Amino acid sequence: MSPPELNVTPHAHGSTVVLALTGHLNSFTVEALENSVNAVLSTDVEHLIFDCHALSFTSSAGLRVFLSTAKQMKNRGGTCAFARLTPTVNEAFEMAGFLDAMDIHSSVEDALVSAEL
């Protein structure tokens, strides 16, 4: 059996970048997310949206990256949002207290509209 993988695919929408996450996010795969986030943060992006529709799992390592990214985006005057959480990821967000603390949307389109407001 091969180890779980994480694929991160960026999509630019003007001043917003959507990172589509596919796979399994844990301490073995978190580096792929960190590298993608760092690449986005090295630009003048104003809004970052994580599309989690194909993210099957996140560990505390992934939650730490999400929290750190949200703080960095806020500190630079931007926003960070999450769209289409899977039930497993939604549960991890709930246990971490992220459901009330993070900007969460049922669709990428809703998150894009909210980012532009």
PDB file of N, CA and C in Angstrom:
ATOM      1  N   MET A   1       0.842  -1.173   0.000  1.00  0.00           N
ATOM      2  CA  MET A   1       0.000   0.000   0.000  1.00  0.00           C
ATOM      3  C   MET A   1       0.889   1.238   0.000  1.00  0.00           C
ATOM      4  N   SER A   2       0.561   2.210  -0.859  1.00  0.00           N
ATOM      5  CA  SER A   2       1.352   3.437  -0.928  1.00  0.00           C
ATOM      6  C   SER A   2       0.900   4.400   0.161  1.00  0.00           C
ATOM      7  N   PRO A   3       1.818   5.262   0.605  1.00  0.00           N
ATOM      8  CA  PRO A   3       1.451   6.229   1.648  1.00  0.00           C
ATOM      9  C   PRO A   3       0.453   7.253   1.117  1.00  0.00           C
ATOM     10  N   PRO A   4      -0.327   7.847   2.008  1.00  0.00           N
ATOM     11  CA  PRO A   4      -1.286   8.860   1.563  1.00  0.00           C
ATOM     12  C   PRO A   4      -0.572  10.043   0.927  1.00  0.00           C
ATOM     13  N   GLU A   5      -1.239  10.679   0.001  1.00  0.00           N
ATOM     14  CA  GLU A   5      -0.670  11.831  -0.694  1.00  0.00           C
ATOM     15  C   GLU A   5      -1.586  13.032  -0.541  1.00  0.00           C
ATOM     16  N   LEU A   6      -1.008  14.200  -0.775  1.00  0.00           N
ATOM     17  CA  LEU A   6      -1.771  15.438  -0.807  1.00  0.00           C
ATOM     18  C   LEU A   6      -1.387  16.179  -2.062  1.00  0.00           C
ATOM     19  N   ASN A   7      -2.386  16.558  -2.835  1.00  0.00           N
ATOM     20  CA  ASN A   7      -2.168  17.391  -4.015  1.00  0.00           C
ATOM     21  C   ASN A   7      -2.797  18.747  -3.758  1.00  0.00           C
ATOM     22  N   VAL A   8      -2.062  19.790  -4.092  1.00  0.00           N
ATOM     23  CA  VAL A   8      -2.530  21.154  -3.918  1.00  0.00           C
ATOM     24  C   VAL A   8      -2.486  21.831  -5.284  1.00  0.00           C
ATOM     25  N   THR A   9      -3.653  22.265  -5.757  1.00  0.00           N
ATOM     26  CA  THR A   9      -3.756  22.887  -7.074  1.00  0.00           C
ATOM     27  C   THR A   9      -4.236  24.325  -6.921  1.00  0.00           C
ATOM     28  N   PRO A  10      -3.397  25.295  -7.307  1.00  0.00           N
ATOM     29  CA  PRO A  10      -3.815  26.705  -7.200  1.00  0.00           C
ATOM     30  C   PRO A  10      -4.629  27.146  -8.405  1.00  0.00           C
ATOM     31  N   HIS A  11      -5.627  28.006  -8.127  1.00  0.00           N
ATOM     32  CA  HIS A  11      -6.441  28.625  -9.169  1.00  0.00           C
ATOM     33  C   HIS A  11      -6.535  30.108  -8.837  1.00  0.00           C
ATOM     34  N   ALA A  12      -6.079  30.956  -9.750  1.00  0.00           N
ATOM     35  CA  ALA A  12      -6.129  32.405  -9.523  1.00  0.00           C
ATOM     36  C   ALA A  12      -7.451  32.969 -10.019  1.00  0.00           C
ATOM     37  N   HIS A  13      -8.018  33.859  -9.201  1.00  0.00           N
ATOM     38  CA  HIS A  13      -9.254  34.569  -9.537  1.00  0.00           C
ATOM     39  C   HIS A  13      -9.031  36.031  -9.168  1.00  0.00           C
ATOM     40  N   GLY A  14      -8.339  36.770 -10.011  1.00  0.00           N
ATOM     41  CA  GLY A  14      -8.022  38.160  -9.705  1.00  0.00           C
ATOM     42  C   GLY A  14      -7.099  38.242  -8.501  1.00  0.00           C
ATOM     43  N   SER A  15      -7.547  38.942  -7.456  1.00  0.00           N
ATOM     44  CA  SER A  15      -6.722  39.095  -6.253  1.00  0.00           C
ATOM     45  C   SER A  15      -6.911  37.949  -5.269  1.00  0.00           C
ATOM     46  N   THR A  16      -7.628  36.909  -5.704  1.00  0.00           N
ATOM     47  CA  THR A  16      -7.908  35.755  -4.856  1.00  0.00           C
ATOM     48  C   THR A  16      -7.243  34.520  -5.447  1.00  0.00           C
ATOM     49  N   VAL A  17      -6.693  33.690  -4.572  1.00  0.00           N
ATOM     50  CA  VAL A  17      -6.171  32.387  -4.985  1.00  0.00           C
ATOM     51  C   VAL A  17      -6.964  31.317  -4.256  1.00  0.00           C
ATOM     52  N   VAL A  18      -7.425  30.333  -5.011  1.00  0.00           N
ATOM     53  CA  VAL A  18      -8.086  29.161  -4.444  1.00  0.00           C
ATOM     54  C   VAL A  18      -7.091  28.013  -4.501  1.00  0.00           C
ATOM     55  N   LEU A  19      -6.832  27.400  -3.345  1.00  0.00           N
ATOM     56  CA  LEU A  19      -5.994  26.207  -3.293  1.00  0.00           C
ATOM     57  C   LEU A  19      -6.913  25.002  -3.136  1.00  0.00           C
ATOM     58  N   ALA A  20      -7.016  24.199  -4.187  1.00  0.00           N
ATOM     59  CA  ALA A  20      -7.835  22.989  -4.143  1.00  0.00           C
ATOM     60  C   ALA A  20      -7.000  21.862  -3.551  1.00  0.00           C
ATOM     61  N   LEU A  21      -7.490  21.286  -2.456  1.00  0.00           N
ATOM     62  CA  LEU A  21      -6.756  20.244  -1.739  1.00  0.00           C
ATOM     63  C   LEU A  21      -7.380  18.887  -2.023  1.00  0.00           C
ATOM     64  N   THR A  22      -6.542  17.947  -2.415  1.00  0.00           N
ATOM     65  CA  THR A  22      -7.001  16.593  -2.708  1.00  0.00           C
ATOM     66  C   THR A  22      -6.119  15.606  -1.974  1.00  0.00           C
ATOM     67  N   GLY A  23      -6.747  14.731  -1.200  1.00  0.00           N
ATOM     68  CA  GLY A  23      -5.985  13.687  -0.534  1.00  0.00           C
ATOM     69  C   GLY A  23      -6.061  13.752   0.974  1.00  0.00           C
ATOM     70  N   HIS A  24      -4.939  13.457   1.590  1.00  0.00           N
ATOM     71  CA  HIS A  24      -4.822  13.207   3.017  1.00  0.00           C
ATOM     72  C   HIS A  24      -3.799  14.179   3.598  1.00  0.00           C
ATOM     73  N   LEU A  25      -4.194  14.994   4.557  1.00  0.00           N
ATOM     74  CA  LEU A  25      -3.307  16.002   5.138  1.00  0.00           C
ATOM     75  C   LEU A  25      -2.884  15.564   6.531  1.00  0.00           C
ATOM     76  N   ASN A  26      -1.602  15.236   6.672  1.00  0.00           N
ATOM     77  CA  ASN A  26      -1.063  14.842   7.971  1.00  0.00           C
ATOM     78  C   ASN A  26       0.397  15.266   8.047  1.00  0.00           C
ATOM     79  N   SER A  27       1.106  14.814   9.055  1.00  0.00           N
ATOM     80  CA  SER A  27       2.491  15.247   9.246  1.00  0.00           C
ATOM     81  C   SER A  27       3.412  14.804   8.103  1.00  0.00           C
ATOM     82  N   PHE A  28       3.021  13.782   7.356  1.00  0.00           N
ATOM     83  CA  PHE A  28       3.837  13.322   6.239  1.00  0.00           C
ATOM     84  C   PHE A  28       3.584  14.137   4.965  1.00  0.00           C
ATOM     85  N   THR A  29       2.389  14.718   4.842  1.00  0.00           N
ATOM     86  CA  THR A  29       2.027  15.425   3.617  1.00  0.00           C
ATOM     87  C   THR A  29       1.911  16.933   3.796  1.00  0.00           C
ATOM     88  N   VAL A  30       2.036  17.412   5.028  1.00  0.00           N
ATOM     89  CA  VAL A  30       1.807  18.831   5.311  1.00  0.00           C
ATOM     90  C   VAL A  30       2.804  19.734   4.585  1.00  0.00           C
ATOM     91  N   GLU A  31       3.975  19.229   4.274  1.00  0.00           N
ATOM     92  CA  GLU A  31       4.978  20.051   3.589  1.00  0.00           C
ATOM     93  C   GLU A  31       4.474  20.539   2.227  1.00  0.00           C
ATOM     94  N   ALA A  32       3.699  19.712   1.530  1.00  0.00           N
ATOM     95  CA  ALA A  32       3.142  20.136   0.235  1.00  0.00           C
ATOM     96  C   ALA A  32       2.217  21.335   0.419  1.00  0.00           C
ATOM     97  N   LEU A  33       1.432  21.313   1.486  1.00  0.00           N
ATOM     98  CA  LEU A  33       0.553  22.444   1.765  1.00  0.00           C
ATOM     99  C   LEU A  33       1.360  23.674   2.166  1.00  0.00           C
ATOM    100  N   GLU A  34       2.330  23.488   3.043  1.00  0.00           N
ATOM    101  CA  GLU A  34       3.172  24.608   3.475  1.00  0.00           C
ATOM    102  C   GLU A  34       3.865  25.261   2.284  1.00  0.00           C
ATOM    103  N   ASN A  35       4.404  24.465   1.377  1.00  0.00           N
ATOM    104  CA  ASN A  35       5.084  25.011   0.199  1.00  0.00           C
ATOM    105  C   ASN A  35       4.131  25.812  -0.675  1.00  0.00           C
ATOM    106  N   SER A  36       2.925  25.310  -0.868  1.00  0.00           N
ATOM    107  CA  SER A  36       1.941  26.014  -1.687  1.00  0.00           C
ATOM    108  C   SER A  36       1.496  27.305  -1.022  1.00  0.00           C
ATOM    109  N   VAL A  37       1.252  27.256   0.278  1.00  0.00           N
ATOM    110  CA  VAL A  37       0.849  28.461   1.007  1.00  0.00           C
ATOM    111  C   VAL A  37       1.964  29.504   0.954  1.00  0.00           C
ATOM    112  N   ASN A  38       3.196  29.083   1.174  1.00  0.00           N
ATOM    113  CA  ASN A  38       4.323  30.022   1.134  1.00  0.00           C
ATOM    114  C   ASN A  38       4.457  30.668  -0.246  1.00  0.00           C
ATOM    115  N   ALA A  39       4.218  29.898  -1.289  1.00  0.00           N
ATOM    116  CA  ALA A  39       4.277  30.447  -2.645  1.00  0.00           C
ATOM    117  C   ALA A  39       3.196  31.511  -2.830  1.00  0.00           C
ATOM    118  N   VAL A  40       2.002  31.249  -2.323  1.00  0.00           N
ATOM    119  CA  VAL A  40       0.915  32.218  -2.423  1.00  0.00           C
ATOM    120  C   VAL A  40       1.232  33.460  -1.599  1.00  0.00           C
ATOM    121  N   LEU A  41       1.725  33.257  -0.382  1.00  0.00           N
ATOM    122  CA  LEU A  41       2.014  34.385   0.500  1.00  0.00           C
ATOM    123  C   LEU A  41       3.177  35.239   0.004  1.00  0.00           C
ATOM    124  N   SER A  42       3.981  34.709  -0.895  1.00  0.00           N
ATOM    125  CA  SER A  42       5.090  35.491  -1.452  1.00  0.00           C
ATOM    126  C   SER A  42       4.604  36.449  -2.545  1.00  0.00           C
ATOM    127  N   THR A  43       3.326  36.379  -2.885  1.00  0.00           N
ATOM    128  CA  THR A  43       2.737  37.270  -3.879  1.00  0.00           C
ATOM    129  C   THR A  43       1.893  38.328  -3.161  1.00  0.00           C
ATOM    130  N   ASP A  44       1.241  39.177  -3.931  1.00  0.00           N
ATOM    131  CA  ASP A  44       0.402  40.217  -3.339  1.00  0.00           C
ATOM    132  C   ASP A  44      -1.064  39.791  -3.271  1.00  0.00           C
ATOM    133  N   VAL A  45      -1.329  38.506  -3.151  1.00  0.00           N
ATOM    134  CA  VAL A  45      -2.699  37.997  -3.055  1.00  0.00           C
ATOM    135  C   VAL A  45      -3.415  38.640  -1.862  1.00  0.00           C
ATOM    136  N   GLU A  46      -4.677  38.982  -2.076  1.00  0.00           N
ATOM    137  CA  GLU A  46      -5.480  39.614  -1.021  1.00  0.00           C
ATOM    138  C   GLU A  46      -6.377  38.619  -0.302  1.00  0.00           C
ATOM    139  N   HIS A  47      -6.781  37.563  -1.009  1.00  0.00           N
ATOM    140  CA  HIS A  47      -7.712  36.597  -0.441  1.00  0.00           C
ATOM    141  C   HIS A  47      -7.249  35.185  -0.792  1.00  0.00           C
ATOM    142  N   LEU A  48      -7.314  34.299   0.178  1.00  0.00           N
ATOM    143  CA  LEU A  48      -6.926  32.908  -0.029  1.00  0.00           C
ATOM    144  C   LEU A  48      -8.084  32.028   0.407  1.00  0.00           C
ATOM    145  N   ILE A  49      -8.472  31.114  -0.470  1.00  0.00           N
ATOM    146  CA  ILE A  49      -9.555  30.178  -0.178  1.00  0.00           C
ATOM    147  C   ILE A  49      -9.017  28.760  -0.312  1.00  0.00           C
ATOM    148  N   PHE A  50      -9.245  27.957   0.716  1.00  0.00           N
ATOM    149  CA  PHE A  50      -8.916  26.539   0.662  1.00  0.00           C
ATOM    150  C   PHE A  50     -10.174  25.787   0.249  1.00  0.00           C
ATOM    151  N   ASP A  51     -10.128  25.123  -0.912  1.00  0.00           N
ATOM    152  CA  ASP A  51     -11.240  24.295  -1.385  1.00  0.00           C
ATOM    153  C   ASP A  51     -10.981  22.877  -0.893  1.00  0.00           C
ATOM    154  N   CYS A  52     -11.783  22.439   0.066  1.00  0.00           N
ATOM    155  CA  CYS A  52     -11.527  21.169   0.766  1.00  0.00           C
ATOM    156  C   CYS A  52     -12.454  20.042   0.319  1.00  0.00           C
ATOM    157  N   HIS A  53     -13.091  20.169  -0.836  1.00  0.00           N
ATOM    158  CA  HIS A  53     -14.078  19.170  -1.249  1.00  0.00           C
ATOM    159  C   HIS A  53     -13.488  17.778  -1.449  1.00  0.00           C
ATOM    160  N   ALA A  54     -12.202  17.687  -1.733  1.00  0.00           N
ATOM    161  CA  ALA A  54     -11.571  16.383  -1.956  1.00  0.00           C
ATOM    162  C   ALA A  54     -10.506  16.079  -0.906  1.00  0.00           C
ATOM    163  N   LEU A  55     -10.567  16.798   0.216  1.00  0.00           N
ATOM    164  CA  LEU A  55      -9.635  16.550   1.318  1.00  0.00           C
ATOM    165  C   LEU A  55     -10.266  15.503   2.226  1.00  0.00           C
ATOM    166  N   SER A  56      -9.691  14.315   2.245  1.00  0.00           N
ATOM    167  CA  SER A  56     -10.300  13.204   2.974  1.00  0.00           C
ATOM    168  C   SER A  56     -10.016  13.224   4.464  1.00  0.00           C
ATOM    169  N   PHE A  57      -8.957  13.948   4.876  1.00  0.00           N
ATOM    170  CA  PHE A  57      -8.559  13.932   6.287  1.00  0.00           C
ATOM    171  C   PHE A  57      -7.615  15.093   6.551  1.00  0.00           C
ATOM    172  N   THR A  58      -7.688  15.660   7.754  1.00  0.00           N
ATOM    173  CA  THR A  58      -6.650  16.572   8.210  1.00  0.00           C
ATOM    174  C   THR A  58      -6.311  16.255   9.652  1.00  0.00           C
ATOM    175  N   SER A  59      -5.030  16.237   9.938  1.00  0.00           N
ATOM    176  CA  SER A  59      -4.544  16.047  11.305  1.00  0.00           C
ATOM    177  C   SER A  59      -4.289  17.407  11.929  1.00  0.00           C
ATOM    178  N   SER A  60      -3.791  17.400  13.141  1.00  0.00           N
ATOM    179  CA  SER A  60      -3.456  18.659  13.808  1.00  0.00           C
ATOM    180  C   SER A  60      -2.367  19.411  13.050  1.00  0.00           C
ATOM    181  N   ALA A  61      -1.519  18.707  12.328  1.00  0.00           N
ATOM    182  CA  ALA A  61      -0.481  19.371  11.522  1.00  0.00           C
ATOM    183  C   ALA A  61      -1.125  20.251  10.459  1.00  0.00           C
ATOM    184  N   GLY A  62      -2.144  19.746   9.819  1.00  0.00           N
ATOM    185  CA  GLY A  62      -2.859  20.539   8.822  1.00  0.00           C
ATOM    186  C   GLY A  62      -3.610  21.694   9.451  1.00  0.00           C
ATOM    187  N   LEU A  63      -4.228  21.445  10.606  1.00  0.00           N
ATOM    188  CA  LEU A  63      -4.953  22.515  11.295  1.00  0.00           C
ATOM    189  C   LEU A  63      -4.014  23.649  11.685  1.00  0.00           C
ATOM    190  N   ARG A  64      -2.792  23.316  12.089  1.00  0.00           N
ATOM    191  CA  ARG A  64      -1.813  24.351  12.439  1.00  0.00           C
ATOM    192  C   ARG A  64      -1.489  25.218  11.225  1.00  0.00           C
ATOM    193  N   VAL A  65      -1.328  24.612  10.062  1.00  0.00           N
ATOM    194  CA  VAL A  65      -1.043  25.388   8.845  1.00  0.00           C
ATOM    195  C   VAL A  65      -2.236  26.278   8.508  1.00  0.00           C
ATOM    196  N   PHE A  66      -3.443  25.746   8.630  1.00  0.00           N
ATOM    197  CA  PHE A  66      -4.636  26.550   8.352  1.00  0.00           C
ATOM    198  C   PHE A  66      -4.710  27.757   9.280  1.00  0.00           C
ATOM    199  N   LEU A  67      -4.480  27.541  10.568  1.00  0.00           N
ATOM    200  CA  LEU A  67      -4.552  28.629  11.542  1.00  0.00           C
ATOM    201  C   LEU A  67      -3.458  29.665  11.287  1.00  0.00           C
ATOM    202  N   SER A  68      -2.253  29.207  11.052  1.00  0.00           N
ATOM    203  CA  SER A  68      -1.133  30.107  10.775  1.00  0.00           C
ATOM    204  C   SER A  68      -1.395  30.932   9.519  1.00  0.00           C
ATOM    205  N   THR A  69      -1.923  30.292   8.496  1.00  0.00           N
ATOM    206  CA  THR A  69      -2.209  30.990   7.240  1.00  0.00           C
ATOM    207  C   THR A  69      -3.289  32.043   7.443  1.00  0.00           C
ATOM    208  N   ALA A  70      -4.339  31.698   8.177  1.00  0.00           N
ATOM    209  CA  ALA A  70      -5.413  32.662   8.446  1.00  0.00           C
ATOM    210  C   ALA A  70      -4.866  33.876   9.185  1.00  0.00           C
ATOM    211  N   LYS A  71      -3.991  33.645  10.150  1.00  0.00           N
ATOM    212  CA  LYS A  71      -3.390  34.755  10.902  1.00  0.00           C
ATOM    213  C   LYS A  71      -2.505  35.616   9.997  1.00  0.00           C
ATOM    214  N   GLN A  72      -1.714  34.969   9.136  1.00  0.00           N
ATOM    215  CA  GLN A  72      -0.841  35.722   8.239  1.00  0.00           C
ATOM    216  C   GLN A  72      -1.652  36.559   7.252  1.00  0.00           C
ATOM    217  N   MET A  73      -2.734  35.989   6.727  1.00  0.00           N
ATOM    218  CA  MET A  73      -3.571  36.742   5.792  1.00  0.00           C
ATOM    219  C   MET A  73      -4.229  37.924   6.502  1.00  0.00           C
ATOM    220  N   LYS A  74      -4.692  37.727   7.724  1.00  0.00           N
ATOM    221  CA  LYS A  74      -5.303  38.818   8.482  1.00  0.00           C
ATOM    222  C   LYS A  74      -4.284  39.922   8.763  1.00  0.00           C
ATOM    223  N   ASN A  75      -3.050  39.533   9.146  1.00  0.00           N
ATOM    224  CA  ASN A  75      -2.002  40.508   9.455  1.00  0.00           C
ATOM    225  C   ASN A  75      -1.628  41.357   8.249  1.00  0.00           C
ATOM    226  N   ARG A  76      -1.804  40.833   7.052  1.00  0.00           N
ATOM    227  CA  ARG A  76      -1.473  41.610   5.852  1.00  0.00           C
ATOM    228  C   ARG A  76      -2.694  42.296   5.267  1.00  0.00           C
ATOM    229  N   GLY A  77      -3.816  42.255   6.003  1.00  0.00           N
ATOM    230  CA  GLY A  77      -5.020  42.942   5.567  1.00  0.00           C
ATOM    231  C   GLY A  77      -5.882  42.145   4.608  1.00  0.00           C
ATOM    232  N   GLY A  78      -5.601  40.881   4.482  1.00  0.00           N
ATOM    233  CA  GLY A  78      -6.367  40.026   3.575  1.00  0.00           C
ATOM    234  C   GLY A  78      -7.307  39.106   4.325  1.00  0.00           C
ATOM    235  N   THR A  79      -7.847  38.140   3.601  1.00  0.00           N
ATOM    236  CA  THR A  79      -8.759  37.174   4.201  1.00  0.00           C
ATOM    237  C   THR A  79      -8.351  35.756   3.838  1.00  0.00           C
ATOM    238  N   CYS A  80      -8.795  34.832   4.676  1.00  0.00           N
ATOM    239  CA  CYS A  80      -8.585  33.408   4.438  1.00  0.00           C
ATOM    240  C   CYS A  80      -9.916  32.716   4.695  1.00  0.00           C
ATOM    241  N   ALA A  81     -10.346  31.892   3.759  1.00  0.00           N
ATOM    242  CA  ALA A  81     -11.621  31.199   3.895  1.00  0.00           C
ATOM    243  C   ALA A  81     -11.468  29.737   3.503  1.00  0.00           C
ATOM    244  N   PHE A  82     -12.473  28.963   3.878  1.00  0.00           N
ATOM    245  CA  PHE A  82     -12.504  27.533   3.593  1.00  0.00           C
ATOM    246  C   PHE A  82     -13.834  27.214   2.924  1.00  0.00           C
ATOM    247  N   ALA A  83     -13.797  26.358   1.911  1.00  0.00           N
ATOM    248  CA  ALA A  83     -15.010  26.008   1.181  1.00  0.00           C
ATOM    249  C   ALA A  83     -15.145  24.495   1.071  1.00  0.00           C
ATOM    250  N   ARG A  84     -16.380  24.063   1.096  1.00  0.00           N
ATOM    251  CA  ARG A  84     -16.758  22.668   0.825  1.00  0.00           C
ATOM    252  C   ARG A  84     -16.026  21.665   1.717  1.00  0.00           C
ATOM    253  N   LEU A  85     -16.134  21.840   3.032  1.00  0.00           N
ATOM    254  CA  LEU A  85     -15.507  20.903   3.949  1.00  0.00           C
ATOM    255  C   LEU A  85     -16.170  19.536   3.845  1.00  0.00           C
ATOM    256  N   THR A  86     -15.365  18.494   3.774  1.00  0.00           N
ATOM    257  CA  THR A  86     -15.901  17.135   3.824  1.00  0.00           C
ATOM    258  C   THR A  86     -16.348  16.854   5.256  1.00  0.00           C
ATOM    259  N   PRO A  87     -17.196  15.863   5.477  1.00  0.00           N
ATOM    260  CA  PRO A  87     -17.628  15.563   6.846  1.00  0.00           C
ATOM    261  C   PRO A  87     -16.467  15.294   7.813  1.00  0.00           C
ATOM    262  N   THR A  88     -15.449  14.603   7.366  1.00  0.00           N
ATOM    263  CA  THR A  88     -14.305  14.303   8.223  1.00  0.00           C
ATOM    264  C   THR A  88     -13.540  15.569   8.577  1.00  0.00           C
ATOM    265  N   VAL A  89     -13.323  16.431   7.610  1.00  0.00           N
ATOM    266  CA  VAL A  89     -12.607  17.682   7.857  1.00  0.00           C
ATOM    267  C   VAL A  89     -13.476  18.615   8.705  1.00  0.00           C
ATOM    268  N   ASN A  90     -14.771  18.629   8.443  1.00  0.00           N
ATOM    269  CA  ASN A  90     -15.682  19.436   9.250  1.00  0.00           C
ATOM    270  C   ASN A  90     -15.607  19.009  10.719  1.00  0.00           C
ATOM    271  N   GLU A  91     -15.537  17.727  10.963  1.00  0.00           N
ATOM    272  CA  GLU A  91     -15.425  17.210  12.333  1.00  0.00           C
ATOM    273  C   GLU A  91     -14.126  17.675  12.988  1.00  0.00           C
ATOM    274  N   ALA A  92     -13.029  17.636  12.248  1.00  0.00           N
ATOM    275  CA  ALA A  92     -11.742  18.115  12.787  1.00  0.00           C
ATOM    276  C   ALA A  92     -11.820  19.608  13.096  1.00  0.00           C
ATOM    277  N   PHE A  93     -12.460  20.379  12.211  1.00  0.00           N
ATOM    278  CA  PHE A  93     -12.634  21.809  12.456  1.00  0.00           C
ATOM    279  C   PHE A  93     -13.490  22.047  13.706  1.00  0.00           C
ATOM    280  N   GLU A  94     -14.532  21.242  13.849  1.00  0.00           N
ATOM    281  CA  GLU A  94     -15.408  21.381  15.017  1.00  0.00           C
ATOM    282  C   GLU A  94     -14.647  21.089  16.308  1.00  0.00           C
ATOM    283  N   MET A  95     -13.896  20.007  16.332  1.00  0.00           N
ATOM    284  CA  MET A  95     -13.137  19.634  17.538  1.00  0.00           C
ATOM    285  C   MET A  95     -12.086  20.689  17.886  1.00  0.00           C
ATOM    286  N   ALA A  96     -11.524  21.361  16.878  1.00  0.00           N
ATOM    287  CA  ALA A  96     -10.494  22.375  17.105  1.00  0.00           C
ATOM    288  C   ALA A  96     -11.089  23.755  17.401  1.00  0.00           C
ATOM    289  N   GLY A  97     -12.405  23.876  17.308  1.00  0.00           N
ATOM    290  CA  GLY A  97     -13.041  25.173  17.524  1.00  0.00           C
ATOM    291  C   GLY A  97     -12.952  26.094  16.322  1.00  0.00           C
ATOM    292  N   PHE A  98     -12.654  25.549  15.152  1.00  0.00           N
ATOM    293  CA  PHE A  98     -12.488  26.345  13.938  1.00  0.00           C
ATOM    294  C   PHE A  98     -13.812  26.750  13.296  1.00  0.00           C
ATOM    295  N   LEU A  99     -14.884  26.016  13.562  1.00  0.00           N
ATOM    296  CA  LEU A  99     -16.152  26.331  12.886  1.00  0.00           C
ATOM    297  C   LEU A  99     -16.625  27.743  13.203  1.00  0.00           C
ATOM    298  N   ASP A 100     -16.389  28.202  14.411  1.00  0.00           N
ATOM    299  CA  ASP A 100     -16.775  29.557  14.783  1.00  0.00           C
ATOM    300  C   ASP A 100     -15.675  30.572  14.488  1.00  0.00           C
ATOM    301  N   ALA A 101     -14.431  30.119  14.449  1.00  0.00           N
ATOM    302  CA  ALA A 101     -13.293  31.032  14.312  1.00  0.00           C
ATOM    303  C   ALA A 101     -12.886  31.295  12.862  1.00  0.00           C
ATOM    304  N   MET A 102     -13.234  30.399  11.956  1.00  0.00           N
ATOM    305  CA  MET A 102     -12.810  30.519  10.563  1.00  0.00           C
ATOM    306  C   MET A 102     -13.988  30.897   9.669  1.00  0.00           C
ATOM    307  N   ASP A 103     -13.661  31.454   8.509  1.00  0.00           N
ATOM    308  CA  ASP A 103     -14.658  31.834   7.508  1.00  0.00           C
ATOM    309  C   ASP A 103     -14.909  30.607   6.628  1.00  0.00           C
ATOM    310  N   ILE A 104     -16.071  29.965   6.817  1.00  0.00           N
ATOM    311  CA  ILE A 104     -16.356  28.705   6.139  1.00  0.00           C
ATOM    312  C   ILE A 104     -17.582  28.870   5.245  1.00  0.00           C
ATOM    313  N   HIS A 105     -17.478  28.334   4.012  1.00  0.00           N
ATOM    314  CA  HIS A 105     -18.546  28.464   3.022  1.00  0.00           C
ATOM    315  C   HIS A 105     -18.906  27.102   2.448  1.00  0.00           C
ATOM    316  N   SER A 106     -20.144  26.994   1.979  1.00  0.00           N
ATOM    317  CA  SER A 106     -20.601  25.733   1.401  1.00  0.00           C
ATOM    318  C   SER A 106     -20.139  25.545  -0.041  1.00  0.00           C
ATOM    319  N   SER A 107     -19.691  26.634  -0.682  1.00  0.00           N
ATOM    320  CA  SER A 107     -19.207  26.531  -2.061  1.00  0.00           C
ATOM    321  C   SER A 107     -18.052  27.505  -2.280  1.00  0.00           C
ATOM    322  N   VAL A 108     -17.246  27.221  -3.273  1.00  0.00           N
ATOM    323  CA  VAL A 108     -16.159  28.121  -3.639  1.00  0.00           C
ATOM    324  C   VAL A 108     -16.738  29.433  -4.138  1.00  0.00           C
ATOM    325  N   GLU A 109     -17.836  29.359  -4.873  1.00  0.00           N
ATOM    326  CA  GLU A 109     -18.469  30.566  -5.404  1.00  0.00           C
ATOM    327  C   GLU A 109     -18.878  31.511  -4.274  1.00  0.00           C
ATOM    328  N   ASP A 110     -19.482  30.963  -3.209  1.00  0.00           N
ATOM    329  CA  ASP A 110     -19.864  31.785  -2.053  1.00  0.00           C
ATOM    330  C   ASP A 110     -18.631  32.412  -1.414  1.00  0.00           C
ATOM    331  N   ALA A 111     -17.567  31.645  -1.298  1.00  0.00           N
ATOM    332  CA  ALA A 111     -16.340  32.160  -0.700  1.00  0.00           C
ATOM    333  C   ALA A 111     -15.747  33.266  -1.567  1.00  0.00           C
ATOM    334  N   LEU A 112     -15.794  33.112  -2.886  1.00  0.00           N
ATOM    335  CA  LEU A 112     -15.290  34.144  -3.792  1.00  0.00           C
ATOM    336  C   LEU A 112     -16.102  35.434  -3.668  1.00  0.00           C
ATOM    337  N   VAL A 113     -17.398  35.320  -3.608  1.00  0.00           N
ATOM    338  CA  VAL A 113     -18.259  36.499  -3.455  1.00  0.00           C
ATOM    339  C   VAL A 113     -17.953  37.182  -2.133  1.00  0.00           C
ATOM    340  N   SER A 114     -17.826  36.409  -1.076  1.00  0.00           N
ATOM    341  CA  SER A 114     -17.536  36.974   0.252  1.00  0.00           C
ATOM    342  C   SER A 114     -16.172  37.673   0.268  1.00  0.00           C
ATOM    343  N   ALA A 115     -15.198  37.113  -0.429  1.00  0.00           N
ATOM    344  CA  ALA A 115     -13.853  37.688  -0.463  1.00  0.00           C
ATOM    345  C   ALA A 115     -13.859  39.041  -1.153  1.00  0.00           C
ATOM    346  N   GLU A 116     -14.705  39.210  -2.132  1.00  0.00           N
ATOM    347  CA  GLU A 116     -14.723  40.451  -2.907  1.00  0.00           C
ATOM    348  C   GLU A 116     -15.536  41.563  -2.244  1.00  0.00           C
ATOM    349  N   LEU A 117     -16.262  41.246  -1.169  1.00  0.00           N
ATOM    350  CA  LEU A 117     -17.084  42.265  -0.479  1.00  0.00           C
ATOM    351  C   LEU A 117     -16.238  43.234   0.300  1.00  0.00           C
TER     352      LEU A 117
END
